[in-house]
Each structure stands twice: as structure tokens, then as C-alpha cells.
């Protein structure tokens, strides 16, 4: 009898950033709903159908269907954990940079505006940066007209904060 080589079914305990916008939390809850109501029942039905064919050791389609179902279940558990631990970002009107704020800065190459969010929502192409990124971390707690310095691999870059919007 041949034993199957399965990946560990333990959910990786990745450290993720719990900070989410309401929009992102809603997107994740909708994804969770789709997985639970559509994807998992379909995958379970496929496993059941293939199980009826018998001979599990030689049934590659059955093994793939089981792996797909395990993947869906792992995604459901991951999303549930993420949503249970989520902290919704509610930007406050302050004179210092906080998570959720839009910050306009000026550097050697001109002005740019960034939104600082949690790691889950970063999108550099849309100028959304993580609070954990070098620039995001340097901006947090700073005020308009403050100058920040960021050390890169081989140089130091300076930025001046021009505007903070909540």
C-alpha cells in the first residue's frame, strides 16, 4: 500500500498586520462568504463524486480534489483569523501623521502623496504604503514641515512633509 505525500495541514501562524480599512475588511468578509457558500460545497461535492469511483491509491483526480478542498479550508481558517483579529483604521484629525492619513511630501524628485495603511493593503502603484515600510515608519508621528531622512542601501534620502490629510 502506498502512502500519500501530503503537505502539512497546519495553518502557518504568519504574523500579519491587523490594521485594515473598513473597505478591505468588507472585501475579506465577502471572500470568506464566497469560499464558505460556493467554493467549499462545490469542492466537497467533487471529492464525494470522485470517492465513489473507488481505488483511492491510483485516483489522481481524487487526490487533487482533496488537496483543493484542504486549500479552501485553510483559506477559510486564515480569513476567519484575520477578520477576528482585525483592527479597523479610523483616521483622526491630528497635526501628526497617523495610519490612514494621506501625506504629501517633497523630495529631490518633486512632490508625491502617499496613503499610509496596514501591510495587507499596500499598493505602491496607487501610492499606498505600509506603516512598516521605511518611508511609512519614518512619517508616522511627524508634523507638517518636518524633514525626515531615510537610509537606503547606498545613500540617504530627505523628504519634507508638506500636507497631512485624514
C-alpha atoms as a PDB file:
ATOM      1  CA  UNK A   1       0.000   0.000   0.000  1.00  0.00           C
ATOM      2  CA  UNK A   2       1.337   3.387  -0.974  1.00  0.00           C
ATOM      3  CA  UNK A   3       1.016   6.301   1.416  1.00  0.00           C
ATOM      4  CA  UNK A   4       0.185   9.710   0.086  1.00  0.00           C
ATOM      5  CA  UNK A   5       2.607  12.588   0.380  1.00  0.00           C
ATOM      6  CA  UNK A   6       0.578  15.396   1.906  1.00  0.00           C
ATOM      7  CA  UNK A   7       1.603  18.863   2.785  1.00  0.00           C
ATOM      8  CA  UNK A   8       1.179  19.715   6.409  1.00  0.00           C
ATOM      9  CA  UNK A   9      -2.378  20.743   7.121  1.00  0.00           C
ATOM     10  CA  UNK A  10      -1.301  23.023   9.917  1.00  0.00           C
ATOM     11  CA  UNK A  11      -2.109  26.636   9.287  1.00  0.00           C
ATOM     12  CA  UNK A  12       1.006  28.715   9.258  1.00  0.00           C
ATOM     13  CA  UNK A  13       0.960  31.196  12.089  1.00  0.00           C
ATOM     14  CA  UNK A  14       2.154  34.090   9.969  1.00  0.00           C
ATOM     15  CA  UNK A  15       2.388  37.418  11.671  1.00  0.00           C
ATOM     16  CA  UNK A  16       0.102  39.668   9.722  1.00  0.00           C
ATOM     17  CA  UNK A  17      -0.714  43.304  10.207  1.00  0.00           C
ATOM     18  CA  UNK A  18      -4.187  43.507  11.803  1.00  0.00           C
ATOM     19  CA  UNK A  19      -4.820  47.070  10.585  1.00  0.00           C
ATOM     20  CA  UNK A  20      -7.490  47.159   7.863  1.00  0.00           C
ATOM     21  CA  UNK A  21      -9.728  49.786   6.344  1.00  0.00           C
ATOM     22  CA  UNK A  22     -13.472  49.136   6.512  1.00  0.00           C
ATOM     23  CA  UNK A  23     -13.428  48.567   2.749  1.00  0.00           C
ATOM     24  CA  UNK A  24     -10.718  45.871   2.992  1.00  0.00           C
ATOM     25  CA  UNK A  25     -12.458  44.172   5.927  1.00  0.00           C
ATOM     26  CA  UNK A  26     -15.660  44.072   3.863  1.00  0.00           C
ATOM     27  CA  UNK A  27     -13.776  42.613   0.857  1.00  0.00           C
ATOM     28  CA  UNK A  28     -12.254  39.896   3.049  1.00  0.00           C
ATOM     29  CA  UNK A  29     -15.620  39.039   4.616  1.00  0.00           C
ATOM     30  CA  UNK A  30     -17.189  38.772   1.139  1.00  0.00           C
ATOM     31  CA  UNK A  31     -14.364  36.491   0.017  1.00  0.00           C
ATOM     32  CA  UNK A  32     -14.893  34.357   3.127  1.00  0.00           C
ATOM     33  CA  UNK A  33     -18.621  34.165   2.388  1.00  0.00           C
ATOM     34  CA  UNK A  34     -17.941  33.023  -1.217  1.00  0.00           C
ATOM     35  CA  UNK A  35     -15.481  30.366  -0.025  1.00  0.00           C
ATOM     36  CA  UNK A  36     -17.937  29.005   2.544  1.00  0.00           C
ATOM     37  CA  UNK A  37     -21.101  29.155   0.434  1.00  0.00           C
ATOM     38  CA  UNK A  38     -19.827  28.373  -3.065  1.00  0.00           C
ATOM     39  CA  UNK A  39     -16.263  27.061  -3.293  1.00  0.00           C
ATOM     40  CA  UNK A  40     -16.224  24.633  -0.351  1.00  0.00           C
ATOM     41  CA  UNK A  41     -19.569  22.936  -1.177  1.00  0.00           C
ATOM     42  CA  UNK A  42     -18.502  22.508  -4.820  1.00  0.00           C
ATOM     43  CA  UNK A  43     -15.117  21.089  -3.821  1.00  0.00           C
ATOM     44  CA  UNK A  44     -16.709  18.752  -1.259  1.00  0.00           C
ATOM     45  CA  UNK A  45     -19.192  17.518  -3.861  1.00  0.00           C
ATOM     46  CA  UNK A  46     -16.332  16.858  -6.297  1.00  0.00           C
ATOM     47  CA  UNK A  47     -14.434  14.872  -3.638  1.00  0.00           C
ATOM     48  CA  UNK A  48     -17.584  12.874  -2.900  1.00  0.00           C
ATOM     49  CA  UNK A  49     -18.171  12.166  -6.611  1.00  0.00           C
ATOM     50  CA  UNK A  50     -14.581  11.044  -7.148  1.00  0.00           C
ATOM     51  CA  UNK A  51     -14.601   8.931  -3.977  1.00  0.00           C
ATOM     52  CA  UNK A  52     -17.453   6.904  -5.412  1.00  0.00           C
ATOM     53  CA  UNK A  53     -15.139   5.798  -8.217  1.00  0.00           C
ATOM     54  CA  UNK A  54     -13.092   3.858  -5.646  1.00  0.00           C
ATOM     55  CA  UNK A  55      -9.418   2.865  -5.659  1.00  0.00           C
ATOM     56  CA  UNK A  56      -8.076   5.957  -3.879  1.00  0.00           C
ATOM     57  CA  UNK A  57      -4.411   4.980  -4.243  1.00  0.00           C
ATOM     58  CA  UNK A  58      -4.478   5.255  -8.037  1.00  0.00           C
ATOM     59  CA  UNK A  59      -7.077   8.021  -8.354  1.00  0.00           C
ATOM     60  CA  UNK A  60      -5.072  11.181  -9.066  1.00  0.00           C
ATOM     61  CA  UNK A  61      -8.191  13.251  -9.648  1.00  0.00           C
ATOM     62  CA  UNK A  62      -9.431  12.316  -6.165  1.00  0.00           C
ATOM     63  CA  UNK A  63      -6.086  13.286  -4.608  1.00  0.00           C
ATOM     64  CA  UNK A  64      -6.151  16.653  -6.411  1.00  0.00           C
ATOM     65  CA  UNK A  65      -9.742  17.293  -5.362  1.00  0.00           C
ATOM     66  CA  UNK A  66      -8.859  16.542  -1.723  1.00  0.00           C
ATOM     67  CA  UNK A  67      -5.886  18.910  -1.925  1.00  0.00           C
ATOM     68  CA  UNK A  68      -8.130  21.619  -3.417  1.00  0.00           C
ATOM     69  CA  UNK A  69     -10.635  21.151  -0.570  1.00  0.00           C
ATOM     70  CA  UNK A  70      -7.836  21.351   2.026  1.00  0.00           C
ATOM     71  CA  UNK A  71      -6.603  24.567   0.405  1.00  0.00           C
ATOM     72  CA  UNK A  72     -10.081  26.097   0.544  1.00  0.00           C
ATOM     73  CA  UNK A  73     -10.457  25.093   4.199  1.00  0.00           C
ATOM     74  CA  UNK A  74      -7.060  26.605   5.017  1.00  0.00           C
ATOM     75  CA  UNK A  75      -8.027  29.845   3.273  1.00  0.00           C
ATOM     76  CA  UNK A  76     -11.275  29.952   5.251  1.00  0.00           C
ATOM     77  CA  UNK A  77      -9.429  29.498   8.547  1.00  0.00           C
ATOM     78  CA  UNK A  78      -6.861  32.129   7.590  1.00  0.00           C
ATOM     79  CA  UNK A  79      -9.532  34.681   6.640  1.00  0.00           C
ATOM     80  CA  UNK A  80     -11.527  33.971   9.807  1.00  0.00           C
ATOM     81  CA  UNK A  81      -8.420  34.505  11.929  1.00  0.00           C
ATOM     82  CA  UNK A  82      -7.532  37.668  10.058  1.00  0.00           C
ATOM     83  CA  UNK A  83     -11.039  39.113  10.424  1.00  0.00           C
ATOM     84  CA  UNK A  84     -11.275  38.145  14.111  1.00  0.00           C
ATOM     85  CA  UNK A  85      -8.018  39.957  14.849  1.00  0.00           C
ATOM     86  CA  UNK A  86      -8.666  42.932  12.560  1.00  0.00           C
ATOM     87  CA  UNK A  87      -8.377  46.471  13.857  1.00  0.00           C
ATOM     88  CA  UNK A  88     -10.310  48.919  11.685  1.00  0.00           C
ATOM     89  CA  UNK A  89      -8.377  52.051  10.745  1.00  0.00           C
ATOM     90  CA  UNK A  90     -10.231  55.219  11.661  1.00  0.00           C
ATOM     91  CA  UNK A  91      -8.022  58.183  10.760  1.00  0.00           C
ATOM     92  CA  UNK A  92      -8.311  61.012  13.266  1.00  0.00           C
ATOM     93  CA  UNK A  93      -7.825  64.700  12.569  1.00  0.00           C
ATOM     94  CA  UNK A  94      -4.475  65.447  14.155  1.00  0.00           C
ATOM     95  CA  UNK A  95      -1.475  67.536  13.271  1.00  0.00           C
ATOM     96  CA  UNK A  96       0.761  64.441  13.215  1.00  0.00           C
ATOM     97  CA  UNK A  97       0.898  61.664  10.632  1.00  0.00           C
ATOM     98  CA  UNK A  98      -1.151  58.600  11.644  1.00  0.00           C
ATOM     99  CA  UNK A  99      -2.147  55.351   9.930  1.00  0.00           C
ATOM    100  CA  UNK A 100      -4.866  56.097   7.382  1.00  0.00           C
ATOM    101  CA  UNK A 101      -3.668  59.607   6.561  1.00  0.00           C
ATOM    102  CA  UNK A 102      -2.716  60.961   3.174  1.00  0.00           C
ATOM    103  CA  UNK A 103       0.683  62.620   3.391  1.00  0.00           C
ATOM    104  CA  UNK A 104       2.150  64.909   0.745  1.00  0.00           C
ATOM    105  CA  UNK A 105       5.926  65.019   0.810  1.00  0.00           C
ATOM    106  CA  UNK A 106       8.564  66.759  -1.251  1.00  0.00           C
ATOM    107  CA  UNK A 107      11.906  65.268  -2.137  1.00  0.00           C
ATOM    108  CA  UNK A 108      14.633  65.675  -4.702  1.00  0.00           C
ATOM    109  CA  UNK A 109      12.323  64.371  -7.445  1.00  0.00           C
ATOM    110  CA  UNK A 110       9.299  66.567  -6.610  1.00  0.00           C
ATOM    111  CA  UNK A 111       6.079  66.097  -4.671  1.00  0.00           C
ATOM    112  CA  UNK A 112       4.234  62.854  -4.018  1.00  0.00           C
ATOM    113  CA  UNK A 113       1.199  61.972  -1.936  1.00  0.00           C
ATOM    114  CA  UNK A 114       1.057  58.639  -0.100  1.00  0.00           C
ATOM    115  CA  UNK A 115      -1.595  56.967   1.993  1.00  0.00           C
ATOM    116  CA  UNK A 116      -0.244  55.044   4.972  1.00  0.00           C
ATOM    117  CA  UNK A 117      -2.138  51.816   5.735  1.00  0.00           C
ATOM    118  CA  UNK A 118      -1.501  48.361   7.171  1.00  0.00           C
ATOM    119  CA  UNK A 119       0.696  45.853   5.333  1.00  0.00           C
ATOM    120  CA  UNK A 120      -2.270  43.939   3.912  1.00  0.00           C
ATOM    121  CA  UNK A 121      -3.406  46.860   1.770  1.00  0.00           C
ATOM    122  CA  UNK A 122      -0.150  48.206   0.353  1.00  0.00           C
ATOM    123  CA  UNK A 123      -0.131  49.058  -3.329  1.00  0.00           C
ATOM    124  CA  UNK A 124       2.901  51.098  -4.418  1.00  0.00           C
ATOM    125  CA  UNK A 125       1.380  51.731  -7.862  1.00  0.00           C
ATOM    126  CA  UNK A 126      -1.512  53.554  -6.151  1.00  0.00           C
ATOM    127  CA  UNK A 127       0.853  55.279  -3.675  1.00  0.00           C
ATOM    128  CA  UNK A 128      -0.471  53.237  -0.747  1.00  0.00           C
ATOM    129  CA  UNK A 129       2.427  52.350   1.536  1.00  0.00           C
ATOM    130  CA  UNK A 130       2.709  50.222   4.651  1.00  0.00           C
ATOM    131  CA  UNK A 131       3.166  51.725   8.065  1.00  0.00           C
ATOM    132  CA  UNK A 132       6.036  49.217   8.376  1.00  0.00           C
ATOM    133  CA  UNK A 133       7.853  50.380   5.241  1.00  0.00           C
ATOM    134  CA  UNK A 134      10.918  52.590   5.730  1.00  0.00           C
ATOM    135  CA  UNK A 135       9.063  55.666   4.446  1.00  0.00           C
ATOM    136  CA  UNK A 136       5.811  54.880   6.282  1.00  0.00           C
ATOM    137  CA  UNK A 137       7.589  54.252   9.582  1.00  0.00           C
ATOM    138  CA  UNK A 138       9.628  57.459   9.212  1.00  0.00           C
ATOM    139  CA  UNK A 139       6.493  59.534   8.553  1.00  0.00           C
ATOM    140  CA  UNK A 140       4.413  58.286  11.495  1.00  0.00           C
ATOM    141  CA  UNK A 141       4.173  60.809  14.307  1.00  0.00           C
ATOM    142  CA  UNK A 142       5.732  63.627  12.268  1.00  0.00           C
ATOM    143  CA  UNK A 143       4.226  67.069  11.563  1.00  0.00           C
ATOM    144  CA  UNK A 144       3.927  69.373   8.571  1.00  0.00           C
ATOM    145  CA  UNK A 145       7.301  70.983   7.715  1.00  0.00           C
ATOM    146  CA  UNK A 146       9.242  68.173   9.443  1.00  0.00           C
ATOM    147  CA  UNK A 147      12.154  66.816   7.410  1.00  0.00           C
ATOM    148  CA  UNK A 148      12.739  63.073   7.540  1.00  0.00           C
ATOM    149  CA  UNK A 149      15.793  61.133   6.459  1.00  0.00           C
ATOM    150  CA  UNK A 150      15.643  57.568   5.176  1.00  0.00           C
ATOM    151  CA  UNK A 151      18.746  55.452   4.793  1.00  0.00           C
ATOM    152  CA  UNK A 152      18.730  53.311   1.689  1.00  0.00           C
ATOM    153  CA  UNK A 153      21.360  50.767   0.691  1.00  0.00           C
ATOM    154  CA  UNK A 154      23.933  53.258  -0.507  1.00  0.00           C
ATOM    155  CA  UNK A 155      22.511  56.718   0.163  1.00  0.00           C
ATOM    156  CA  UNK A 156      20.335  58.832   2.409  1.00  0.00           C
ATOM    157  CA  UNK A 157      17.165  60.465   1.105  1.00  0.00           C
ATOM    158  CA  UNK A 158      15.465  63.522   2.644  1.00  0.00           C
ATOM    159  CA  UNK A 159      11.774  64.400   2.430  1.00  0.00           C
ATOM    160  CA  UNK A 160       9.839  67.374   3.752  1.00  0.00           C
ATOM    161  CA  UNK A 161       6.222  66.895   4.865  1.00  0.00           C
ATOM    162  CA  UNK A 162       4.004  69.444   3.105  1.00  0.00           C
ATOM    163  CA  UNK A 163       0.479  68.327   3.956  1.00  0.00           C
ATOM    164  CA  UNK A 164      -1.405  65.830   6.149  1.00  0.00           C
ATOM    165  CA  UNK A 165      -4.999  64.862   5.266  1.00  0.00           C
ATOM    166  CA  UNK A 166      -7.187  62.478   7.252  1.00  0.00           C
END
